[in-house]
Protein backbone atom coordinates (compact mmCIF):
# COMPACT_ATOMS: atom_id res chain seq x y z
CA LEU A 1 0.00 0.00 0.00
CA TYR A 2 2.83 2.29 0.92
CA ASN A 3 4.58 1.61 -2.37
CA LEU A 4 1.37 2.09 -4.27
CA GLU A 5 0.82 5.42 -2.47
CA LYS A 6 4.38 6.50 -3.22
CA ASN A 7 3.99 5.47 -6.87
CA GLY A 8 0.76 7.41 -7.03
CA GLN A 9 2.46 10.48 -5.56
CA ILE A 10 5.36 10.06 -7.96
CA GLN A 11 2.97 9.79 -10.93
CA GLU A 12 1.04 12.78 -9.67
CA MET A 13 4.27 14.77 -9.38
CA GLN A 14 5.29 13.65 -12.85
CA SER A 15 1.91 14.70 -14.21
CA ILE A 16 2.25 18.09 -12.51
CA TYR A 17 5.78 18.44 -13.92
CA GLU A 18 4.67 17.46 -17.37
CA LEU A 19 1.79 19.90 -17.14
CA GLU A 20 4.08 22.70 -16.04
CA THR A 21 6.49 21.76 -18.85
CA LYS A 22 3.67 21.90 -21.35
CA ASP A 23 2.56 25.25 -19.96
CA LYS A 24 6.10 26.58 -20.33
CA THR A 25 6.30 25.14 -23.83
CA ILE A 26 2.98 26.75 -24.71
CA LYS A 27 4.17 30.07 -23.36
CA LEU A 28 7.43 29.77 -25.30
CA LEU A 29 5.52 28.90 -28.43
CA GLU A 30 3.19 31.83 -27.85
CA GLN A 31 6.20 34.11 -27.38
CA GLU A 32 7.81 32.70 -30.52
CA ASN A 33 4.52 33.17 -32.37
CA VAL A 34 4.36 36.80 -31.22
CA ILE A 35 7.97 37.33 -32.33
CA THR A 36 7.23 35.63 -35.68
CA ASN A 37 4.15 37.82 -36.19
CA GLN A 38 6.21 40.89 -35.38
CA ARG A 39 8.85 39.78 -37.85
CA ARG A 40 6.19 39.14 -40.48
CA ALA A 41 4.73 42.57 -39.81
CA SER A 42 8.20 44.10 -40.08
CA ASP A 43 8.88 42.17 -43.28
CA ARG A 44 5.51 43.26 -44.65
CA LEU A 45 6.29 46.89 -43.85
CA LEU A 46 9.72 46.53 -45.39
CA LEU A 47 8.20 44.98 -48.52
CA ILE A 48 5.67 47.80 -48.77
CA TYR A 49 8.45 50.32 -48.34
CA LEU A 50 10.52 48.62 -51.00
CA LEU A 51 7.53 48.50 -53.39
CA ILE A 52 6.88 52.19 -52.78
CA CYS A 53 10.55 52.96 -53.43
CA ILE A 54 10.48 50.87 -56.62
CA ALA A 55 7.29 52.62 -57.75
CA LEU A 56 8.77 56.06 -57.04
CA LEU A 57 12.01 55.10 -58.79
CA SER A 58 10.04 53.80 -61.81
CA ALA A 59 8.01 57.00 -61.90
CA LEU A 60 11.22 59.03 -61.73
CA ILE A 61 12.77 56.99 -64.52
CA LEU A 62 9.61 57.41 -66.62
CA VAL A 63 9.60 61.16 -66.02
CA LEU A 64 13.30 61.42 -66.91
CA TRP A 65 12.70 59.31 -70.02
CA ARG A 66 9.81 61.53 -71.07
CA ILE A 67 11.91 64.62 -70.41
CA ARG A 68 14.71 63.13 -72.50
CA ILE A 69 12.29 62.39 -75.37
CA ILE A 70 10.87 65.91 -75.17
CA GLN A 71 14.38 67.34 -75.06
CA ALA A 72 15.42 65.18 -78.03
CA LYS A 73 12.38 66.37 -79.99
CA ALA A 74 13.13 69.95 -79.01
CA ASN A 75 16.77 69.53 -80.09
CA SER A 76 15.68 67.91 -83.35
CA SER A 77 13.17 70.69 -83.98
CA LEU A 78 15.80 73.29 -83.10
CA ALA A 79 18.34 71.62 -85.39
CA PHE A 80 15.76 71.51 -88.22
CA THR A 81 14.92 75.17 -87.60
CA ASN A 82 18.60 76.10 -87.57
CA LYS A 83 19.13 74.16 -90.79
CA ALA A 84 16.16 75.88 -92.39
CA ILE A 85 17.49 79.24 -91.22
CA GLU A 86 20.92 78.40 -92.65
CA GLN A 87 19.35 77.38 -95.96
CA GLN A 88 17.31 80.57 -96.03
CA LYS A 89 20.44 82.54 -95.21
CA GLU A 90 22.33 80.84 -98.04
CA GLU A 91 19.42 81.43 -100.41
CA ILE A 92 19.25 85.07 -99.37
CA GLU A 93 23.00 85.43 -99.88
CA VAL A 94 22.75 83.78 -103.31
CA GLN A 95 19.79 85.97 -104.23
CA ALA A 96 21.63 89.05 -102.94
CA GLU A 97 24.70 88.16 -104.99
CA SER A 98 22.55 87.39 -108.03
CA LEU A 99 20.68 90.67 -107.57
CA GLN A 100 23.95 92.56 -107.25
CA GLN A 101 25.32 90.93 -110.40
CA LEU A 102 22.03 91.63 -112.16
CA ASN A 103 22.15 95.29 -111.11
CA LEU A 104 25.74 95.56 -112.34
CA LEU A 105 24.77 93.87 -115.59
CA LYS A 106 21.75 96.13 -115.95
CA SER A 107 23.84 99.24 -115.34
CA LYS A 108 26.48 98.19 -117.86
CA LEU A 109 23.90 97.14 -120.44
CA PHE A 110 21.87 100.31 -120.24
CA SER A 111 24.99 102.47 -120.38
CA VAL A 112 26.13 100.63 -123.53
CA ILE A 113 22.68 100.32 -125.07
CA SER A 114 21.81 103.97 -124.51
CA HIS A 115 24.99 104.93 -126.40
CA ASP A 116 24.42 102.38 -129.16
CA LEU A 117 20.78 103.36 -129.66
CA ARG A 118 21.34 107.08 -129.50
CA GLY A 119 23.85 107.05 -132.38
CA PRO A 120 21.80 105.34 -135.12
CA LEU A 121 18.59 107.15 -134.14
CA SER A 122 20.34 110.53 -134.12
CA ASN A 123 21.91 109.73 -137.49
CA LEU A 124 18.53 108.73 -138.91
CA LEU A 125 16.91 111.89 -137.59
CA GLY A 126 19.72 114.05 -138.97
CA LEU A 127 19.56 112.28 -142.33
CA LEU A 128 15.81 112.79 -142.61
CA GLU A 129 16.14 116.46 -141.65
CA LEU A 130 18.81 117.02 -144.30
CA TYR A 131 16.72 115.23 -146.91
CA SER A 132 13.49 117.02 -145.95
CA ASN A 133 15.27 120.41 -146.04
CA LYS A 134 16.64 119.46 -149.49
CA VAL A 135 20.20 119.93 -148.27
CA MET A 136 21.00 116.38 -149.48
CA SER A 137 20.30 115.02 -152.92
CA GLN A 138 18.53 111.71 -153.49
CA SER A 139 21.72 109.95 -154.59
CA GLU A 140 23.55 111.15 -151.50
CA PHE A 141 20.61 110.07 -149.36
CA ILE A 142 20.68 106.57 -150.87
CA ALA A 143 24.44 106.28 -150.39
CA VAL A 144 24.27 107.27 -146.73
CA SER A 145 21.11 105.28 -146.04
CA GLU A 146 22.84 101.99 -146.97
CA LYS A 147 25.30 102.39 -144.08
CA LEU A 148 22.55 103.66 -141.80
CA LYS A 149 20.45 100.62 -142.65
CA THR A 150 23.20 98.36 -141.34
CA ASN A 151 23.37 100.36 -138.10
CA LEU A 152 19.60 100.22 -137.72
CA THR A 153 19.64 96.44 -138.28
CA VAL A 154 22.10 96.08 -135.43
CA THR A 155 19.96 98.43 -133.33
CA GLN A 156 16.84 96.37 -134.03
CA ARG A 157 18.67 93.19 -133.01
CA THR A 158 19.88 94.91 -129.84
CA LEU A 159 16.35 96.02 -128.98
CA GLU A 160 15.01 92.50 -129.59
CA ASN A 161 17.67 90.99 -127.32
CA LEU A 162 16.96 93.61 -124.68
CA LEU A 163 13.24 92.85 -124.79
CA GLN A 164 13.82 89.09 -124.50
CA TRP A 165 16.30 89.58 -121.67
CA SER A 166 13.90 91.87 -119.80
CA LEU A 167 11.10 89.33 -120.15
CA SER A 168 13.34 86.50 -118.94
CA GLN A 169 14.40 88.49 -115.86
CA MET A 170 10.75 89.20 -115.04
CA GLU A 171 9.90 85.50 -115.57
CA GLY A 172 7.71 86.55 -118.46
CA ILE A 173 9.13 83.94 -120.84
CA LYS A 174 7.72 80.42 -120.89
CA THR A 175 9.53 77.63 -122.69
CA GLU A 176 6.99 75.69 -124.76
CA PHE A 177 8.51 72.56 -126.30
CA LYS A 178 7.39 71.55 -129.79
CA PRO A 179 8.74 68.94 -132.22
CA ILE A 180 10.49 70.49 -135.21
CA GLU A 181 13.07 69.50 -137.84
CA ILE A 182 16.25 71.37 -136.85
CA HIS A 183 17.41 72.01 -140.43
CA LEU A 184 14.22 73.96 -141.16
CA LEU A 185 15.17 76.29 -138.31
CA LEU A 186 18.77 76.53 -139.55
CA ASN A 187 17.56 77.42 -143.05
CA ASP A 188 15.16 80.09 -141.74
CA VAL A 189 17.90 81.78 -139.71
CA THR A 190 20.37 81.52 -142.60
CA ASN A 191 17.90 83.24 -144.91
CA LEU A 192 17.36 86.01 -142.37
CA LEU A 193 21.09 86.72 -142.05
CA LYS A 194 22.07 86.08 -145.66
CA GLU A 195 22.06 89.79 -146.50
CA THR A 196 24.27 90.62 -143.52
CA ALA A 197 26.70 87.87 -144.53
CA THR A 198 26.71 89.00 -148.16
CA GLU A 199 27.87 92.48 -147.13
CA LYS A 200 31.15 90.87 -145.93
CA ASN A 201 31.13 88.30 -148.78
CA ILE A 202 30.70 85.45 -146.28
CA PHE A 203 29.12 82.17 -147.34
CA ILE A 204 27.00 80.25 -144.82
CA GLU A 205 27.04 76.49 -145.44
CA THR A 206 25.12 73.69 -143.70
CA THR A 207 27.38 70.63 -143.65
CA SER A 208 24.86 68.05 -142.35
CA THR A 209 21.68 67.04 -144.18
CA GLU A 210 20.34 64.22 -141.98
CA GLN A 211 16.81 64.92 -140.78
CA LEU A 212 16.78 65.42 -137.01
CA HIS A 213 13.63 66.20 -135.09
CA VAL A 214 14.15 68.03 -131.83
CA SER A 215 11.80 69.02 -129.01
CA ILE A 216 12.39 72.74 -128.47
CA ASP A 217 10.85 76.16 -128.14
CA PRO A 218 11.34 77.35 -131.77
CA ASP A 219 11.32 81.08 -130.92
CA GLN A 220 13.99 80.75 -128.24
CA ILE A 221 16.28 78.48 -130.28
CA GLN A 222 15.85 80.70 -133.33
CA LEU A 223 17.02 83.65 -131.23
CA VAL A 224 20.01 81.56 -130.06
CA LEU A 225 20.92 80.65 -133.65
CA ARG A 226 20.47 84.24 -134.87
CA ASN A 227 22.83 85.55 -132.20
CA LEU A 228 25.45 82.83 -132.70
CA ILE A 229 25.44 83.13 -136.51
CA HIS A 230 25.42 86.92 -136.30
CA ASN A 231 28.45 86.79 -134.01
CA ALA A 232 30.13 84.39 -136.42
CA ILE A 233 29.54 86.91 -139.24
CA LYS A 234 30.73 89.73 -137.01
CA PHE A 235 34.07 88.08 -136.20
CA SER A 236 34.64 86.37 -139.56
CA LYS A 237 37.10 87.78 -142.01
CA PRO A 238 35.71 88.98 -145.36
CA ASN A 239 35.60 86.38 -148.14
CA SER A 240 35.37 83.47 -145.68
CA LYS A 241 32.65 81.02 -144.75
CA ILE A 242 30.60 79.82 -141.78
CA LEU A 243 29.76 76.16 -141.27
CA LEU A 244 26.53 75.02 -139.60
CA SER A 245 25.88 71.44 -138.53
CA ALA A 246 23.37 69.39 -136.57
CA THR A 247 24.44 65.87 -135.64
CA PRO A 248 22.81 63.22 -133.43
CA GLU A 249 24.38 62.32 -130.07
CA GLY A 250 22.21 59.66 -128.46
CA LYS A 251 19.07 61.29 -127.11
CA HIS A 252 20.41 64.75 -127.99
CA CYS A 253 21.24 66.76 -131.07
CA LYS A 254 24.47 68.75 -131.22
CA VAL A 255 24.24 72.07 -133.08
CA SER A 256 27.54 73.73 -134.08
CA VAL A 257 28.46 77.11 -135.59
CA ILE A 258 32.03 77.31 -136.93
CA ASP A 259 33.70 80.46 -138.24
CA PHE A 260 37.21 81.16 -139.55
CA GLY A 261 37.81 84.58 -138.08
CA VAL A 262 39.76 86.24 -135.27
CA GLY A 263 39.26 83.42 -132.75
CA MET A 264 39.20 83.74 -128.96
CA THR A 265 41.77 83.50 -126.19
CA GLU A 266 41.35 81.24 -123.15
CA GLU A 267 40.57 84.30 -121.03
CA GLU A 268 37.83 85.43 -123.43
CA ILE A 269 36.30 81.94 -123.50
CA SER A 270 36.29 81.92 -119.67
CA LEU A 271 34.51 85.30 -119.59
CA VAL A 272 31.93 84.26 -122.20
CA THR A 273 31.02 80.99 -120.47
CA LYS A 274 30.89 82.53 -116.99
CA ASP A 275 27.33 82.78 -115.64
CA GLY A 276 25.94 86.25 -115.03
CA PHE A 277 28.71 87.93 -117.08
CA HIS A 278 28.49 89.57 -120.48
CA PHE A 279 31.42 90.06 -122.82
CA SER A 280 31.69 92.04 -126.02
CA LYS A 281 34.38 93.16 -128.44
CA SER A 282 34.47 94.77 -131.87
CA GLY A 283 34.18 92.68 -135.02
CA THR A 284 36.48 92.51 -138.04
CA LYS A 285 34.84 95.65 -139.45
CA GLN A 286 34.61 97.34 -136.05
CA GLU A 287 31.04 96.11 -135.53
CA LYS A 288 29.96 96.78 -131.98
CA GLY A 289 27.75 94.80 -129.64
CA THR A 290 26.50 94.69 -126.06
CA GLY A 291 27.22 91.04 -125.21
CA LEU A 292 23.58 90.64 -124.26
CA GLY A 293 23.01 88.12 -127.05
CA LEU A 294 25.34 85.55 -125.51
CA VAL A 295 23.71 86.04 -122.11
CA LEU A 296 20.36 85.18 -123.68
CA CYS A 297 21.87 82.24 -125.57
CA LYS A 298 23.23 80.71 -122.38
CA GLU A 299 19.92 81.19 -120.55
CA PHE A 300 17.76 79.74 -123.34
CA ILE A 301 20.12 76.79 -123.87
CA GLN A 302 20.00 76.05 -120.12
CA ARG A 303 16.19 76.07 -120.34
CA HIS A 304 16.56 73.22 -122.86
CA GLY A 305 18.87 71.25 -120.58
CA GLY A 306 22.11 72.06 -122.44
CA SER A 307 25.13 74.31 -122.08
CA LEU A 308 27.19 76.55 -124.36
CA LEU A 309 30.54 75.00 -125.39
CA ILE A 310 33.31 76.99 -127.09
CA LYS A 311 36.44 75.67 -128.81
CA SER A 312 38.71 78.33 -130.24
CA THR A 313 42.26 79.55 -130.67
CA ALA A 314 43.37 83.16 -130.96
CA GLY A 315 43.47 84.13 -134.65
CA GLY A 316 42.00 80.80 -135.74
CA THR A 317 38.82 78.77 -135.98
CA THR A 318 36.00 79.17 -133.45
CA GLU A 319 33.38 76.48 -132.84
CA ILE A 320 30.38 77.25 -130.65
CA SER A 321 28.07 74.32 -129.98
CA PHE A 322 25.16 73.33 -127.77
CA THR A 323 22.86 70.33 -127.38
CA LEU A 324 19.08 70.03 -127.75
CA PRO A 325 16.76 67.17 -126.73
CA ARG A 326 15.75 65.00 -129.69
CA HIS A 327 12.12 64.18 -130.45
CA LEU A 328 12.14 60.39 -130.63
CA ASN A 329 9.01 58.63 -131.91
């Protein structure tokens, strides 16, 4: 009985010990649970803080990116504006230089033209006054009028060139392309200038006979041919000839005017072919000119997509040529 009682007491004490141990374990677990919850709460707060920081950083990056794009667009727009301003500045400078050259050309032309026009008109007026006052006989009038006729022909050509040049500077000339056989145009111009050539006993010969149809403005090219052939007559020696030719060169037609006169130096060729510059010198019989005809020739040839080419030697042969677009069926 005693042993049973002692065993019961021992078991009771063990139960109490185990119960107290469980209570302590429960309390420890509760404390650990509290600590774990606190850690979770801290981790949750830290995560929220990190997410907020990431969101703010992303927003900042987005804002900086947008600012960079806006700045890049602004720089691109500014660069485009600067480029446009530079182009406008260059265009203005080119226009200013062209206007200055045009003003110089206009001043020189009008100073020369006013002198050249005043002389023949004054001579004509004086001749008519002498004839009307019966100071001059009919035979004397006829003799003087032949020379005056030549001067008036040159004056008429000068006025025609001046009118065409004025219209071209005011953009009043329109180039209207039409198909035409080039030799018909050469023959028309030759017939117009035959009398002028005959006065110096110069023979105008067309060396090519092949039919070539070109697409041109007939009035403009006729003016070019008149000026070139007239210059060839002007600088040809008496009792010589002028050769005209029109030969095919692929999709173009090459027109050449060759004379056997005084020729040109390299410096003169450079002055003649220079844009915006007019050059003139006296002919073999001291014929005068303004140089305006060559200015018109260069402009009208450029309108047809060609350029004026000159091959010459001082005191020798001169060949002036240009190309025209062919009319191909």
